[in-house]
Amino acid sequence: MLDVRRETPLPAPHPDVIFGALNDGAVLFATATEVYFGLSDVGAKVWALLPPARRTVEDICDAISREYPDVPADTIRLDVEELLRDLLANGLVIAPAGRGEEIDEPRSATGSA
């Protein structure tokens, strides 16, 4: 499983995925598998923060938190982790070298599993 702690590298966009910006988000298209995947405005921002822009999940969460200071950090973290799991499951990102293909299940807002 891909561990999403602070020091763990992020998955990177798959080189065969095309990103298309929309007024209210974006769409991803995997040319090899013909998978279309819609992103909200925040999802598009997360995509833009994947490597090489940022290195860790925490880096992305910090950047999103600065843009949306009224959203609890735990909510942002859970949403980012869920999006990364969905991107991995659909083959839109590549897990970091030496890591598995999955991201750990989300932690509860209290930090316990």
Protein backbone atom coordinates (compact mmCIF):
# COMPACT_ATOMS: atom_id res chain seq x y z
CA MET A 1 0.00 0.00 0.00
CA LEU A 2 1.11 3.54 -0.66
CA ASP A 3 1.60 5.20 2.70
CA VAL A 4 0.49 8.82 2.73
CA ARG A 5 2.46 10.11 5.70
CA ARG A 6 4.35 13.40 5.46
CA GLU A 7 7.59 11.90 4.09
CA THR A 8 6.00 9.63 1.49
CA PRO A 9 6.35 10.72 -2.15
CA LEU A 10 3.23 11.42 -4.16
CA PRO A 11 2.14 9.45 -7.19
CA ALA A 12 2.97 11.25 -10.44
CA PRO A 13 0.66 11.96 -13.38
CA HIS A 14 0.74 9.11 -15.89
CA PRO A 15 2.51 10.31 -19.05
CA ASP A 16 -0.34 9.01 -21.25
CA VAL A 17 -2.98 11.14 -19.48
CA ILE A 18 -4.24 14.31 -21.12
CA PHE A 19 -5.43 17.15 -18.86
CA GLY A 20 -8.10 19.53 -20.11
CA ALA A 21 -9.10 22.58 -18.07
CA LEU A 22 -12.77 23.53 -17.85
CA ASN A 23 -14.50 26.57 -16.33
CA ASP A 24 -15.42 24.62 -13.19
CA GLY A 25 -12.70 21.94 -12.98
CA ALA A 26 -11.02 19.69 -15.48
CA VAL A 27 -11.22 16.41 -17.31
CA LEU A 28 -8.52 13.75 -17.54
CA PHE A 29 -8.30 11.32 -20.44
CA ALA A 30 -6.11 8.22 -20.33
CA THR A 31 -5.25 7.54 -23.96
CA ALA A 32 -4.21 3.90 -23.43
CA THR A 33 -7.39 2.85 -21.59
CA GLU A 34 -9.79 5.51 -22.86
CA VAL A 35 -10.77 6.41 -19.29
CA TYR A 36 -12.34 9.84 -18.80
CA PHE A 37 -12.23 11.28 -15.29
CA GLY A 38 -13.83 14.54 -14.18
CA LEU A 39 -12.22 16.80 -11.60
CA SER A 40 -13.84 19.55 -9.58
CA ASP A 41 -12.10 22.90 -9.32
CA VAL A 42 -10.26 21.72 -6.19
CA GLY A 43 -9.46 18.37 -7.83
CA ALA A 44 -7.87 20.23 -10.73
CA LYS A 45 -5.75 22.18 -8.25
CA VAL A 46 -4.63 18.92 -6.62
CA TRP A 47 -3.72 17.54 -10.06
CA ALA A 48 -1.64 20.66 -10.75
CA LEU A 49 0.19 20.12 -7.44
CA LEU A 50 1.28 16.56 -8.22
CA PRO A 51 5.01 16.02 -8.90
CA PRO A 52 7.09 17.81 -9.84
CA ALA A 53 5.16 20.75 -8.28
CA ARG A 54 4.93 19.16 -4.82
CA ARG A 55 6.51 16.09 -3.26
CA THR A 56 4.18 14.88 -0.48
CA VAL A 57 0.50 14.63 0.40
CA GLU A 58 1.15 17.06 3.25
CA ASP A 59 2.57 19.61 0.76
CA ILE A 60 -0.64 19.43 -1.28
CA CYS A 61 -2.86 19.65 1.80
CA ASP A 62 -0.96 22.70 3.04
CA ALA A 63 -1.36 24.44 -0.33
CA ILE A 64 -5.10 23.68 -0.50
CA SER A 65 -5.56 24.77 3.14
CA ARG A 66 -4.01 28.14 2.35
CA GLU A 67 -6.55 28.64 -0.44
CA TYR A 68 -9.50 27.40 1.61
CA PRO A 69 -8.76 28.46 5.21
CA ASP A 70 -12.37 27.89 6.33
CA VAL A 71 -12.24 24.16 5.50
CA PRO A 72 -10.93 21.95 8.33
CA ALA A 73 -7.50 20.48 7.63
CA ASP A 74 -8.80 16.95 8.36
CA THR A 75 -11.48 17.35 5.69
CA ILE A 76 -8.93 18.51 3.13
CA ARG A 77 -6.61 15.62 3.99
CA LEU A 78 -9.37 13.01 3.65
CA ASP A 79 -10.55 14.49 0.34
CA VAL A 80 -7.02 14.63 -1.10
CA GLU A 81 -6.34 11.03 -0.05
CA GLU A 82 -9.64 9.89 -1.58
CA LEU A 83 -8.86 11.64 -4.87
CA LEU A 84 -5.38 10.07 -4.99
CA ARG A 85 -6.89 6.61 -4.41
CA ASP A 86 -9.38 7.22 -7.24
CA LEU A 87 -6.63 8.44 -9.58
CA LEU A 88 -4.52 5.36 -8.80
CA ALA A 89 -7.48 3.00 -9.23
CA ASN A 90 -8.17 4.47 -12.67
CA GLY A 91 -4.54 4.34 -13.81
CA LEU A 92 -4.27 8.13 -14.10
CA VAL A 93 -1.23 8.40 -11.84
CA ILE A 94 1.81 6.21 -11.25
CA ALA A 95 2.68 5.12 -7.72
CA PRO A 96 6.15 6.22 -6.59
CA ALA A 97 8.93 3.71 -7.34
CA GLY A 98 9.02 0.88 -4.85
CA ARG A 99 5.51 1.58 -3.56
CA GLY A 100 2.28 -0.33 -3.96
CA GLU A 101 -0.66 0.64 -6.08
CA GLU A 102 -2.98 1.65 -3.23
CA ILE A 103 -3.20 4.47 -0.74
CA ASP A 104 -4.03 3.54 2.83
CA GLU A 105 -7.65 3.82 3.89
CA PRO A 106 -8.49 7.27 5.25
CA ARG A 107 -8.01 8.01 8.88
CA SER A 108 -10.92 9.39 10.86
CA ALA A 109 -10.98 13.06 11.73
CA THR A 110 -9.71 12.17 15.22
CA GLY A 111 -6.63 10.49 13.76
CA SER A 112 -7.49 6.93 14.77
CA ALA A 113 -8.01 4.16 12.27
